[in-house]
């Protein structure tokens, strides 16, 4: 009887360890670097096109609050995010933008190699454009 409990306990530990490994690989623990070819908005803050670093706002915390920093200067913005899950793992990293005319709003961040991404809540400006009936398109930047 004791042997059954030991085997079951060992199996449970192995399952927990193997379940935790993919979660770390797809998180924003390590900063992502991406070149965004157009001006865009995060939390009603306009950011110019350029090279950006995206990662956790605080390294000791989870992915709930992310920081987007321009590499060329100290321009940055922090934003709360919501986890989103895809059925298949992303081969490449991906940023998803909602586009209204010539305005782009960062909507989702998908690190390479995982099926968990982060969604950013819509800003007041984006909600206003949506209410006005502006056509929404989706733009993607792979990295």
Foldseek 3Di string as FASTA:
>chain_A
DVVVVVVVVVVVVVVVVVVPVQVVVWFQLDKDKFFAQAWADEQNDIDGTGIWIKGCPDNVDGRQKMKIAHPVDGDIDIAGWDKDFDPDFAQWWKWKWKDFPRYTYTAKTTHHPHGIIIGGDDHPVVVVCVVVVGDIDMDMGTD
